[in-house]
């Protein structure tokens, strides 16, 4: 059994034991609906993986891991309202299945429940865990606002996009490994190395996700072009905007709003521009380059060599996942 399978089973069993009140139905049914879907549960797996670098039994980190996952799902419920997104993980989003008011309040409740889970962590670590959790939570909100700000910006620079990604995506990975390492018994220097790893991993993960959304991967249930049709700022788009001529930049900036073209035509036109500037190869090279840098942050860890190797293998399997 791989570490991904081992940690995934622990998380699934933990969430299966979790109970929510039956009433009010419109508050808790959307939470059940959201949490039962599961998704990748990548962030809580990183909590457990970081704990496992030093601790033999990672189950002590399950409440903190659950808190991270519940907070992440709270953000998705609210993001779908702001993005007017009809689907989440191939199913109707909460806001579409019910309505925006239900999604807002259920999301709020889920966020509060995440703190209730965190409070089940070892008491002697709780104040430090709370500080790490709150740091990540605020950064995620800052990143979401930056993301919305960038949607109104025509020519976003790659560094501006990555600044947003560091907050919106990477910050929760940083919080996850920091909390896991602390629970596992890591020292300050080890926590700092893991934080640097997680920051870089979060960036690489988002660039990889942008690539999959643009070019698709049926193994992951990905469809082609969702970000293109939404006009989202991605690493691919900012790369091309920095390299393209004025004509191509103008088309990339506005084609998602053009009523003269069908969705399929919009995607095809954007992919044609991407092809001219070699964006797919450039993105894959950037992912490879950054992941090499990312794993080097782990080289100085005090954990046993074989555990560091397992952690690296786990991280790579999440980045280059096929299911």
C-alpha atoms as a PDB file:
ATOM      1  CA  UNK A   1       0.000   0.000   0.000  1.00  0.00           C
ATOM      2  CA  UNK A   2       1.407   3.406  -0.977  1.00  0.00           C
ATOM      3  CA  UNK A   3       1.540   6.320   1.432  1.00  0.00           C
ATOM      4  CA  UNK A   4      -1.182   8.038  -0.594  1.00  0.00           C
ATOM      5  CA  UNK A   5      -3.438   4.995  -0.173  1.00  0.00           C
ATOM      6  CA  UNK A   6      -2.572   4.631   3.498  1.00  0.00           C
ATOM      7  CA  UNK A   7      -3.220   8.257   4.361  1.00  0.00           C
ATOM      8  CA  UNK A   8      -6.268   8.393   2.117  1.00  0.00           C
ATOM      9  CA  UNK A   9      -7.815   5.435   3.913  1.00  0.00           C
ATOM     10  CA  UNK A  10      -7.173   7.042   7.309  1.00  0.00           C
ATOM     11  CA  UNK A  11      -8.847  10.261   6.178  1.00  0.00           C
ATOM     12  CA  UNK A  12     -11.825   8.436   4.625  1.00  0.00           C
ATOM     13  CA  UNK A  13     -12.396   6.421   7.791  1.00  0.00           C
ATOM     14  CA  UNK A  14     -12.099   9.534   9.926  1.00  0.00           C
ATOM     15  CA  UNK A  15     -14.616  11.496   7.865  1.00  0.00           C
ATOM     16  CA  UNK A  16     -16.957   8.487   7.774  1.00  0.00           C
ATOM     17  CA  UNK A  17     -17.120   8.593  11.578  1.00  0.00           C
ATOM     18  CA  UNK A  18     -17.899  12.291  11.607  1.00  0.00           C
ATOM     19  CA  UNK A  19     -21.525  13.164  12.325  1.00  0.00           C
ATOM     20  CA  UNK A  20     -23.422  16.367  11.610  1.00  0.00           C
ATOM     21  CA  UNK A  21     -26.692  17.508  13.216  1.00  0.00           C
ATOM     22  CA  UNK A  22     -29.845  16.657  11.289  1.00  0.00           C
ATOM     23  CA  UNK A  23     -31.361  20.118  11.706  1.00  0.00           C
ATOM     24  CA  UNK A  24     -31.512  22.699  10.290  1.00  0.00           C
ATOM     25  CA  UNK A  25     -31.519  20.542   7.187  1.00  0.00           C
ATOM     26  CA  UNK A  26     -30.592  23.351   4.787  1.00  0.00           C
ATOM     27  CA  UNK A  27     -27.546  24.156   6.877  1.00  0.00           C
ATOM     28  CA  UNK A  28     -26.081  20.660   7.245  1.00  0.00           C
ATOM     29  CA  UNK A  29     -27.227  18.815   4.099  1.00  0.00           C
ATOM     30  CA  UNK A  30     -24.971  20.950   1.868  1.00  0.00           C
ATOM     31  CA  UNK A  31     -22.047  20.251   4.207  1.00  0.00           C
ATOM     32  CA  UNK A  32     -22.675  16.498   3.986  1.00  0.00           C
ATOM     33  CA  UNK A  33     -22.997  16.808   0.212  1.00  0.00           C
ATOM     34  CA  UNK A  34     -19.685  18.657  -0.011  1.00  0.00           C
ATOM     35  CA  UNK A  35     -17.691  16.488   2.368  1.00  0.00           C
ATOM     36  CA  UNK A  36     -18.972  13.118   1.143  1.00  0.00           C
ATOM     37  CA  UNK A  37     -17.649  13.800  -2.351  1.00  0.00           C
ATOM     38  CA  UNK A  38     -14.114  13.724  -1.013  1.00  0.00           C
ATOM     39  CA  UNK A  39     -12.156  14.977  -3.977  1.00  0.00           C
ATOM     40  CA  UNK A  40      -8.388  14.494  -3.844  1.00  0.00           C
ATOM     41  CA  UNK A  41      -8.105  15.474  -0.159  1.00  0.00           C
ATOM     42  CA  UNK A  42      -4.583  16.474  -1.010  1.00  0.00           C
ATOM     43  CA  UNK A  43      -4.037  19.059   1.723  1.00  0.00           C
ATOM     44  CA  UNK A  44      -4.954  16.789   4.646  1.00  0.00           C
ATOM     45  CA  UNK A  45      -2.766  14.073   3.139  1.00  0.00           C
ATOM     46  CA  UNK A  46       0.137  16.503   3.381  1.00  0.00           C
ATOM     47  CA  UNK A  47      -0.633  17.054   7.070  1.00  0.00           C
ATOM     48  CA  UNK A  48      -0.319  13.314   7.645  1.00  0.00           C
ATOM     49  CA  UNK A  49       2.730  12.963   5.390  1.00  0.00           C
ATOM     50  CA  UNK A  50       4.563  15.739   7.243  1.00  0.00           C
ATOM     51  CA  UNK A  51       3.687  14.138  10.582  1.00  0.00           C
ATOM     52  CA  UNK A  52       4.963  10.797   9.272  1.00  0.00           C
ATOM     53  CA  UNK A  53       8.413  12.226   8.629  1.00  0.00           C
ATOM     54  CA  UNK A  54       9.073  11.956  12.381  1.00  0.00           C
ATOM     55  CA  UNK A  55       6.166  10.087  13.996  1.00  0.00           C
ATOM     56  CA  UNK A  56       5.380   6.392  13.578  1.00  0.00           C
ATOM     57  CA  UNK A  57       1.665   6.908  14.249  1.00  0.00           C
ATOM     58  CA  UNK A  58       0.165   9.717  12.168  1.00  0.00           C
ATOM     59  CA  UNK A  59      -3.364   9.270  13.544  1.00  0.00           C
ATOM     60  CA  UNK A  60      -2.673  11.950  16.153  1.00  0.00           C
ATOM     61  CA  UNK A  61      -2.719  14.461  13.275  1.00  0.00           C
ATOM     62  CA  UNK A  62      -6.134  13.419  11.927  1.00  0.00           C
ATOM     63  CA  UNK A  63      -8.110  16.251  13.615  1.00  0.00           C
ATOM     64  CA  UNK A  64      -5.736  18.889  12.217  1.00  0.00           C
ATOM     65  CA  UNK A  65      -5.835  17.220   8.789  1.00  0.00           C
ATOM     66  CA  UNK A  66      -9.636  17.198   8.871  1.00  0.00           C
ATOM     67  CA  UNK A  67      -9.652  20.872   9.860  1.00  0.00           C
ATOM     68  CA  UNK A  68      -7.519  21.766   6.848  1.00  0.00           C
ATOM     69  CA  UNK A  69      -9.791  19.822   4.494  1.00  0.00           C
ATOM     70  CA  UNK A  70     -12.971  21.317   5.942  1.00  0.00           C
ATOM     71  CA  UNK A  71     -11.560  24.825   5.655  1.00  0.00           C
ATOM     72  CA  UNK A  72     -10.539  24.140   2.055  1.00  0.00           C
ATOM     73  CA  UNK A  73     -14.070  22.982   1.208  1.00  0.00           C
ATOM     74  CA  UNK A  74     -15.534  26.066   2.873  1.00  0.00           C
ATOM     75  CA  UNK A  75     -13.455  28.217   0.522  1.00  0.00           C
ATOM     76  CA  UNK A  76     -14.654  26.211  -2.483  1.00  0.00           C
ATOM     77  CA  UNK A  77     -18.293  26.695  -1.520  1.00  0.00           C
ATOM     78  CA  UNK A  78     -17.805  30.448  -1.385  1.00  0.00           C
ATOM     79  CA  UNK A  79     -15.576  30.535  -4.492  1.00  0.00           C
ATOM     80  CA  UNK A  80     -18.346  28.888  -6.515  1.00  0.00           C
ATOM     81  CA  UNK A  81     -20.733  31.670  -5.541  1.00  0.00           C
ATOM     82  CA  UNK A  82     -18.228  34.361  -6.541  1.00  0.00           C
ATOM     83  CA  UNK A  83     -17.351  32.571  -9.794  1.00  0.00           C
ATOM     84  CA  UNK A  84     -20.948  31.646 -10.609  1.00  0.00           C
ATOM     85  CA  UNK A  85     -19.653  28.097 -11.070  1.00  0.00           C
ATOM     86  CA  UNK A  86     -22.343  25.487 -11.825  1.00  0.00           C
ATOM     87  CA  UNK A  87     -20.110  22.464 -11.169  1.00  0.00           C
ATOM     88  CA  UNK A  88     -17.662  21.321  -8.536  1.00  0.00           C
ATOM     89  CA  UNK A  89     -15.839  17.991  -8.924  1.00  0.00           C
ATOM     90  CA  UNK A  90     -18.213  16.988 -11.693  1.00  0.00           C
ATOM     91  CA  UNK A  91     -21.363  17.601  -9.626  1.00  0.00           C
ATOM     92  CA  UNK A  92     -23.610  20.579  -9.125  1.00  0.00           C
ATOM     93  CA  UNK A  93     -21.998  23.157  -6.884  1.00  0.00           C
ATOM     94  CA  UNK A  94     -23.756  23.808  -3.591  1.00  0.00           C
ATOM     95  CA  UNK A  95     -24.823  27.266  -4.679  1.00  0.00           C
ATOM     96  CA  UNK A  96     -26.415  25.857  -7.855  1.00  0.00           C
ATOM     97  CA  UNK A  97     -27.993  22.795  -6.204  1.00  0.00           C
ATOM     98  CA  UNK A  98     -29.522  24.946  -3.472  1.00  0.00           C
ATOM     99  CA  UNK A  99     -28.984  28.718  -3.755  1.00  0.00           C
ATOM    100  CA  UNK A 100     -26.353  31.359  -2.907  1.00  0.00           C
ATOM    101  CA  UNK A 101     -27.782  32.059   0.547  1.00  0.00           C
ATOM    102  CA  UNK A 102     -27.667  28.405   1.537  1.00  0.00           C
ATOM    103  CA  UNK A 103     -24.131  28.047   0.155  1.00  0.00           C
ATOM    104  CA  UNK A 104     -22.974  31.133   2.045  1.00  0.00           C
ATOM    105  CA  UNK A 105     -24.334  30.058   5.422  1.00  0.00           C
ATOM    106  CA  UNK A 106     -23.349  26.394   5.037  1.00  0.00           C
ATOM    107  CA  UNK A 107     -19.874  27.514   4.059  1.00  0.00           C
ATOM    108  CA  UNK A 108     -19.695  29.697   7.164  1.00  0.00           C
ATOM    109  CA  UNK A 109     -20.770  26.762   9.334  1.00  0.00           C
ATOM    110  CA  UNK A 110     -18.206  24.478   7.707  1.00  0.00           C
ATOM    111  CA  UNK A 111     -15.460  26.987   8.448  1.00  0.00           C
ATOM    112  CA  UNK A 112     -16.509  27.096  12.108  1.00  0.00           C
ATOM    113  CA  UNK A 113     -16.620  23.287  12.229  1.00  0.00           C
ATOM    114  CA  UNK A 114     -13.047  23.220  10.939  1.00  0.00           C
ATOM    115  CA  UNK A 115     -11.963  25.074  14.088  1.00  0.00           C
ATOM    116  CA  UNK A 116     -13.918  22.602  16.197  1.00  0.00           C
ATOM    117  CA  UNK A 117     -11.888  19.821  14.580  1.00  0.00           C
ATOM    118  CA  UNK A 118      -8.611  21.634  15.150  1.00  0.00           C
ATOM    119  CA  UNK A 119      -9.473  21.921  18.844  1.00  0.00           C
ATOM    120  CA  UNK A 120      -9.265  18.103  19.085  1.00  0.00           C
ATOM    121  CA  UNK A 121      -5.509  18.263  18.443  1.00  0.00           C
ATOM    122  CA  UNK A 122      -2.973  17.657  21.263  1.00  0.00           C
ATOM    123  CA  UNK A 123      -3.694  20.395  23.850  1.00  0.00           C
ATOM    124  CA  UNK A 124      -0.037  21.276  24.372  1.00  0.00           C
ATOM    125  CA  UNK A 125       0.274  22.164  20.664  1.00  0.00           C
ATOM    126  CA  UNK A 126      -3.072  23.857  20.170  1.00  0.00           C
ATOM    127  CA  UNK A 127      -1.963  27.484  20.464  1.00  0.00           C
ATOM    128  CA  UNK A 128       0.815  26.959  17.903  1.00  0.00           C
ATOM    129  CA  UNK A 129      -1.473  25.017  15.591  1.00  0.00           C
ATOM    130  CA  UNK A 130      -4.100  27.737  15.815  1.00  0.00           C
ATOM    131  CA  UNK A 131      -1.523  30.363  14.883  1.00  0.00           C
ATOM    132  CA  UNK A 132      -0.426  28.369  11.823  1.00  0.00           C
ATOM    133  CA  UNK A 133      -4.027  27.655  10.816  1.00  0.00           C
ATOM    134  CA  UNK A 134      -5.069  31.300  11.112  1.00  0.00           C
ATOM    135  CA  UNK A 135      -2.029  32.467   9.163  1.00  0.00           C
ATOM    136  CA  UNK A 136      -2.938  30.172   6.270  1.00  0.00           C
ATOM    137  CA  UNK A 137      -6.649  31.047   6.444  1.00  0.00           C
ATOM    138  CA  UNK A 138      -6.064  34.798   6.167  1.00  0.00           C
ATOM    139  CA  UNK A 139      -3.633  34.348   3.287  1.00  0.00           C
ATOM    140  CA  UNK A 140      -6.143  32.244   1.366  1.00  0.00           C
ATOM    141  CA  UNK A 141      -8.696  35.059   1.682  1.00  0.00           C
ATOM    142  CA  UNK A 142      -6.099  37.614   0.586  1.00  0.00           C
ATOM    143  CA  UNK A 143      -5.295  35.442  -2.409  1.00  0.00           C
ATOM    144  CA  UNK A 144      -8.942  35.139  -3.395  1.00  0.00           C
ATOM    145  CA  UNK A 145      -9.298  38.918  -3.383  1.00  0.00           C
ATOM    146  CA  UNK A 146      -6.133  39.302  -5.468  1.00  0.00           C
ATOM    147  CA  UNK A 147      -7.519  36.730  -7.892  1.00  0.00           C
ATOM    148  CA  UNK A 148     -10.697  38.756  -8.310  1.00  0.00           C
ATOM    149  CA  UNK A 149      -8.645  41.931  -8.713  1.00  0.00           C
ATOM    150  CA  UNK A 150      -6.572  40.330 -11.467  1.00  0.00           C
ATOM    151  CA  UNK A 151      -9.708  39.295 -13.342  1.00  0.00           C
ATOM    152  CA  UNK A 152     -10.280  42.985 -13.999  1.00  0.00           C
ATOM    153  CA  UNK A 153      -6.697  43.507 -15.210  1.00  0.00           C
ATOM    154  CA  UNK A 154      -6.080  43.122 -18.938  1.00  0.00           C
ATOM    155  CA  UNK A 155      -2.354  42.434 -19.021  1.00  0.00           C
ATOM    156  CA  UNK A 156      -1.329  40.517 -15.903  1.00  0.00           C
ATOM    157  CA  UNK A 157       2.387  39.898 -15.480  1.00  0.00           C
ATOM    158  CA  UNK A 158       3.515  36.339 -14.595  1.00  0.00           C
ATOM    159  CA  UNK A 159       4.986  37.543 -11.303  1.00  0.00           C
ATOM    160  CA  UNK A 160       1.670  39.170 -10.354  1.00  0.00           C
ATOM    161  CA  UNK A 161      -0.142  35.923 -11.047  1.00  0.00           C
ATOM    162  CA  UNK A 162       2.356  33.909  -8.982  1.00  0.00           C
ATOM    163  CA  UNK A 163       2.013  36.352  -6.076  1.00  0.00           C
ATOM    164  CA  UNK A 164      -1.689  35.548  -6.037  1.00  0.00           C
ATOM    165  CA  UNK A 165      -1.010  31.797  -6.288  1.00  0.00           C
ATOM    166  CA  UNK A 166       1.358  31.938  -3.308  1.00  0.00           C
ATOM    167  CA  UNK A 167      -1.555  33.177  -1.230  1.00  0.00           C
ATOM    168  CA  UNK A 168      -4.643  31.519  -2.665  1.00  0.00           C
ATOM    169  CA  UNK A 169      -3.192  28.062  -3.342  1.00  0.00           C
ATOM    170  CA  UNK A 170       0.207  27.628  -1.704  1.00  0.00           C
ATOM    171  CA  UNK A 171      -0.610  29.111   1.704  1.00  0.00           C
ATOM    172  CA  UNK A 172      -2.836  26.208   2.725  1.00  0.00           C
ATOM    173  CA  UNK A 173      -0.150  23.708   1.689  1.00  0.00           C
ATOM    174  CA  UNK A 174       2.290  25.666   3.857  1.00  0.00           C
ATOM    175  CA  UNK A 175      -0.135  25.545   6.765  1.00  0.00           C
ATOM    176  CA  UNK A 176      -0.765  21.830   6.231  1.00  0.00           C
ATOM    177  CA  UNK A 177       2.885  20.725   6.345  1.00  0.00           C
ATOM    178  CA  UNK A 178       3.720  23.156   9.161  1.00  0.00           C
ATOM    179  CA  UNK A 179       0.969  21.737  11.336  1.00  0.00           C
ATOM    180  CA  UNK A 180       1.835  18.156  10.461  1.00  0.00           C
ATOM    181  CA  UNK A 181       5.524  18.650  11.186  1.00  0.00           C
ATOM    182  CA  UNK A 182       4.756  20.307  14.515  1.00  0.00           C
ATOM    183  CA  UNK A 183       2.515  17.415  15.548  1.00  0.00           C
ATOM    184  CA  UNK A 184       5.170  14.940  14.428  1.00  0.00           C
ATOM    185  CA  UNK A 185       7.780  16.547  16.680  1.00  0.00           C
ATOM    186  CA  UNK A 186       9.862  18.472  14.161  1.00  0.00           C
ATOM    187  CA  UNK A 187      12.155  21.274  15.255  1.00  0.00           C
ATOM    188  CA  UNK A 188      11.948  24.856  14.049  1.00  0.00           C
ATOM    189  CA  UNK A 189      14.570  24.445  11.312  1.00  0.00           C
ATOM    190  CA  UNK A 190      12.755  21.423   9.893  1.00  0.00           C
ATOM    191  CA  UNK A 191       9.430  23.269   9.924  1.00  0.00           C
ATOM    192  CA  UNK A 192      10.981  26.143   8.007  1.00  0.00           C
ATOM    193  CA  UNK A 193      12.399  23.779   5.366  1.00  0.00           C
ATOM    194  CA  UNK A 194       8.998  22.175   4.944  1.00  0.00           C
ATOM    195  CA  UNK A 195       7.334  25.568   4.671  1.00  0.00           C
ATOM    196  CA  UNK A 196       9.664  26.504   1.809  1.00  0.00           C
ATOM    197  CA  UNK A 197       8.943  23.170   0.149  1.00  0.00           C
ATOM    198  CA  UNK A 198       5.184  23.630   0.491  1.00  0.00           C
ATOM    199  CA  UNK A 199       5.253  27.173  -0.863  1.00  0.00           C
ATOM    200  CA  UNK A 200       7.049  26.035  -4.001  1.00  0.00           C
ATOM    201  CA  UNK A 201       4.937  22.880  -4.276  1.00  0.00           C
ATOM    202  CA  UNK A 202       1.731  24.925  -4.132  1.00  0.00           C
ATOM    203  CA  UNK A 203       2.939  27.075  -7.012  1.00  0.00           C
ATOM    204  CA  UNK A 204       3.943  24.045  -9.094  1.00  0.00           C
ATOM    205  CA  UNK A 205       0.647  22.337  -8.283  1.00  0.00           C
ATOM    206  CA  UNK A 206      -1.339  25.339  -9.528  1.00  0.00           C
ATOM    207  CA  UNK A 207       0.676  25.625 -12.748  1.00  0.00           C
ATOM    208  CA  UNK A 208       0.118  21.908 -13.351  1.00  0.00           C
ATOM    209  CA  UNK A 209      -3.606  22.359 -12.679  1.00  0.00           C
ATOM    210  CA  UNK A 210      -3.706  25.235 -15.171  1.00  0.00           C
ATOM    211  CA  UNK A 211      -2.029  23.003 -17.750  1.00  0.00           C
ATOM    212  CA  UNK A 212      -4.507  20.175 -17.192  1.00  0.00           C
ATOM    213  CA  UNK A 213      -7.461  22.527 -17.458  1.00  0.00           C
ATOM    214  CA  UNK A 214      -6.210  23.958 -20.723  1.00  0.00           C
ATOM    215  CA  UNK A 215      -5.165  20.746 -22.434  1.00  0.00           C
ATOM    216  CA  UNK A 216      -7.332  18.290 -20.533  1.00  0.00           C
ATOM    217  CA  UNK A 217      -6.790  14.850 -19.052  1.00  0.00           C
ATOM    218  CA  UNK A 218      -9.713  12.422 -19.185  1.00  0.00           C
ATOM    219  CA  UNK A 219      -8.059  10.236 -16.528  1.00  0.00           C
ATOM    220  CA  UNK A 220      -8.653  13.054 -14.044  1.00  0.00           C
ATOM    221  CA  UNK A 221     -12.095  13.971 -15.290  1.00  0.00           C
ATOM    222  CA  UNK A 222     -10.664  17.168 -16.723  1.00  0.00           C
ATOM    223  CA  UNK A 223     -12.375  18.935 -19.569  1.00  0.00           C
ATOM    224  CA  UNK A 224     -10.568  21.216 -21.944  1.00  0.00           C
ATOM    225  CA  UNK A 225     -10.777  24.972 -21.741  1.00  0.00           C
ATOM    226  CA  UNK A 226     -12.782  25.888 -18.667  1.00  0.00           C
ATOM    227  CA  UNK A 227     -10.269  28.543 -17.649  1.00  0.00           C
ATOM    228  CA  UNK A 228     -10.168  29.878 -21.216  1.00  0.00           C
ATOM    229  CA  UNK A 229     -13.946  30.293 -21.365  1.00  0.00           C
ATOM    230  CA  UNK A 230     -13.969  32.007 -17.965  1.00  0.00           C
ATOM    231  CA  UNK A 231     -11.182  34.373 -18.998  1.00  0.00           C
ATOM    232  CA  UNK A 232      -9.179  33.326 -15.936  1.00  0.00           C
ATOM    233  CA  UNK A 233      -5.653  34.452 -15.394  1.00  0.00           C
ATOM    234  CA  UNK A 234      -3.440  31.365 -15.485  1.00  0.00           C
ATOM    235  CA  UNK A 235       0.302  30.856 -15.738  1.00  0.00           C
ATOM    236  CA  UNK A 236      -0.179  29.879 -19.382  1.00  0.00           C
ATOM    237  CA  UNK A 237      -2.088  33.029 -20.212  1.00  0.00           C
ATOM    238  CA  UNK A 238       0.291  35.374 -18.404  1.00  0.00           C
ATOM    239  CA  UNK A 239       3.266  33.689 -20.109  1.00  0.00           C
ATOM    240  CA  UNK A 240       1.776  34.273 -23.546  1.00  0.00           C
ATOM    241  CA  UNK A 241       0.644  37.807 -22.723  1.00  0.00           C
ATOM    242  CA  UNK A 242       4.243  38.641 -21.840  1.00  0.00           C
ATOM    243  CA  UNK A 243       5.575  37.161 -25.097  1.00  0.00           C
ATOM    244  CA  UNK A 244       2.835  37.893 -27.632  1.00  0.00           C
ATOM    245  CA  UNK A 245       2.437  40.718 -30.116  1.00  0.00           C
ATOM    246  CA  UNK A 246      -0.224  43.374 -29.612  1.00  0.00           C
ATOM    247  CA  UNK A 247      -2.788  41.659 -31.842  1.00  0.00           C
ATOM    248  CA  UNK A 248      -2.591  38.331 -30.033  1.00  0.00           C
ATOM    249  CA  UNK A 249      -2.638  40.019 -26.626  1.00  0.00           C
ATOM    250  CA  UNK A 250      -5.803  41.890 -27.536  1.00  0.00           C
ATOM    251  CA  UNK A 251      -7.523  38.699 -28.669  1.00  0.00           C
ATOM    252  CA  UNK A 252      -6.479  36.742 -25.591  1.00  0.00           C
ATOM    253  CA  UNK A 253      -7.703  39.492 -23.317  1.00  0.00           C
ATOM    254  CA  UNK A 254     -11.220  39.656 -24.717  1.00  0.00           C
ATOM    255  CA  UNK A 255     -12.101  36.482 -26.620  1.00  0.00           C
ATOM    256  CA  UNK A 256     -13.949  34.919 -23.664  1.00  0.00           C
ATOM    257  CA  UNK A 257     -16.442  37.807 -23.882  1.00  0.00           C
ATOM    258  CA  UNK A 258     -16.902  37.652 -27.663  1.00  0.00           C
ATOM    259  CA  UNK A 259     -20.465  36.610 -28.523  1.00  0.00           C
ATOM    260  CA  UNK A 260     -19.570  35.934 -32.152  1.00  0.00           C
ATOM    261  CA  UNK A 261     -17.848  32.634 -31.359  1.00  0.00           C
ATOM    262  CA  UNK A 262     -19.064  29.391 -29.850  1.00  0.00           C
ATOM    263  CA  UNK A 263     -17.247  28.018 -26.785  1.00  0.00           C
ATOM    264  CA  UNK A 264     -15.488  25.474 -28.996  1.00  0.00           C
ATOM    265  CA  UNK A 265     -14.312  28.202 -31.365  1.00  0.00           C
ATOM    266  CA  UNK A 266     -13.023  30.343 -28.502  1.00  0.00           C
ATOM    267  CA  UNK A 267     -11.002  27.461 -27.103  1.00  0.00           C
ATOM    268  CA  UNK A 268      -9.615  26.597 -30.537  1.00  0.00           C
ATOM    269  CA  UNK A 269      -8.545  30.185 -31.222  1.00  0.00           C
ATOM    270  CA  UNK A 270      -6.793  30.518 -27.875  1.00  0.00           C
ATOM    271  CA  UNK A 271      -5.050  27.157 -28.264  1.00  0.00           C
ATOM    272  CA  UNK A 272      -3.879  28.245 -31.703  1.00  0.00           C
ATOM    273  CA  UNK A 273      -2.249  31.327 -30.165  1.00  0.00           C
ATOM    274  CA  UNK A 274      -0.755  29.208 -27.395  1.00  0.00           C
ATOM    275  CA  UNK A 275       0.689  26.861 -29.994  1.00  0.00           C
ATOM    276  CA  UNK A 276       2.409  29.708 -31.817  1.00  0.00           C
ATOM    277  CA  UNK A 277       4.221  30.712 -28.644  1.00  0.00           C
ATOM    278  CA  UNK A 278       5.035  27.182 -27.501  1.00  0.00           C
ATOM    279  CA  UNK A 279       3.148  27.571 -24.255  1.00  0.00           C
ATOM    280  CA  UNK A 280       2.624  23.861 -23.543  1.00  0.00           C
ATOM    281  CA  UNK A 281       6.321  23.012 -23.755  1.00  0.00           C
ATOM    282  CA  UNK A 282       7.217  26.148 -21.804  1.00  0.00           C
ATOM    283  CA  UNK A 283       4.747  25.250 -19.047  1.00  0.00           C
ATOM    284  CA  UNK A 284       5.953  21.661 -18.769  1.00  0.00           C
ATOM    285  CA  UNK A 285       9.548  22.905 -18.568  1.00  0.00           C
ATOM    286  CA  UNK A 286       8.580  25.396 -15.862  1.00  0.00           C
ATOM    287  CA  UNK A 287       6.863  22.665 -13.839  1.00  0.00           C
ATOM    288  CA  UNK A 288       9.907  20.402 -14.088  1.00  0.00           C
ATOM    289  CA  UNK A 289      12.321  23.211 -13.191  1.00  0.00           C
ATOM    290  CA  UNK A 290      10.305  24.341 -10.198  1.00  0.00           C
ATOM    291  CA  UNK A 291       9.716  20.822  -8.885  1.00  0.00           C
ATOM    292  CA  UNK A 292      13.465  20.141  -8.886  1.00  0.00           C
ATOM    293  CA  UNK A 293      13.938  23.292  -6.810  1.00  0.00           C
ATOM    294  CA  UNK A 294      11.030  22.304  -4.591  1.00  0.00           C
ATOM    295  CA  UNK A 295      12.410  18.913  -3.583  1.00  0.00           C
ATOM    296  CA  UNK A 296      15.851  20.369  -2.822  1.00  0.00           C
ATOM    297  CA  UNK A 297      14.257  22.185   0.123  1.00  0.00           C
ATOM    298  CA  UNK A 298      13.831  18.767   1.752  1.00  0.00           C
ATOM    299  CA  UNK A 299      17.488  17.755   1.586  1.00  0.00           C
ATOM    300  CA  UNK A 300      18.435  19.193   4.972  1.00  0.00           C
ATOM    301  CA  UNK A 301      15.623  17.608   6.984  1.00  0.00           C
ATOM    302  CA  UNK A 302      16.607  15.811  10.179  1.00  0.00           C
ATOM    303  CA  UNK A 303      14.150  12.966   9.505  1.00  0.00           C
ATOM    304  CA  UNK A 304      15.411   9.521   8.580  1.00  0.00           C
ATOM    305  CA  UNK A 305      16.601   9.268   4.985  1.00  0.00           C
ATOM    306  CA  UNK A 306      14.063   6.642   3.972  1.00  0.00           C
ATOM    307  CA  UNK A 307      11.203   8.752   5.361  1.00  0.00           C
ATOM    308  CA  UNK A 308      12.359  11.797   3.407  1.00  0.00           C
ATOM    309  CA  UNK A 309      12.502   9.620   0.290  1.00  0.00           C
ATOM    310  CA  UNK A 310       8.958   8.409   0.969  1.00  0.00           C
ATOM    311  CA  UNK A 311       7.794  11.994   1.410  1.00  0.00           C
ATOM    312  CA  UNK A 312       9.380  13.040  -1.900  1.00  0.00           C
ATOM    313  CA  UNK A 313       7.765  10.094  -3.666  1.00  0.00           C
ATOM    314  CA  UNK A 314       4.423  10.989  -2.114  1.00  0.00           C
ATOM    315  CA  UNK A 315       4.725  14.619  -3.233  1.00  0.00           C
ATOM    316  CA  UNK A 316       5.642  13.653  -6.781  1.00  0.00           C
ATOM    317  CA  UNK A 317       2.710  11.243  -6.980  1.00  0.00           C
ATOM    318  CA  UNK A 318       0.338  14.089  -6.060  1.00  0.00           C
ATOM    319  CA  UNK A 319       1.771  16.416  -8.677  1.00  0.00           C
ATOM    320  CA  UNK A 320       1.787  13.845 -11.477  1.00  0.00           C
ATOM    321  CA  UNK A 321      -1.345  12.042 -10.382  1.00  0.00           C
ATOM    322  CA  UNK A 322      -3.317   9.970 -12.885  1.00  0.00           C
ATOM    323  CA  UNK A 323      -6.519   9.451 -10.905  1.00  0.00           C
END
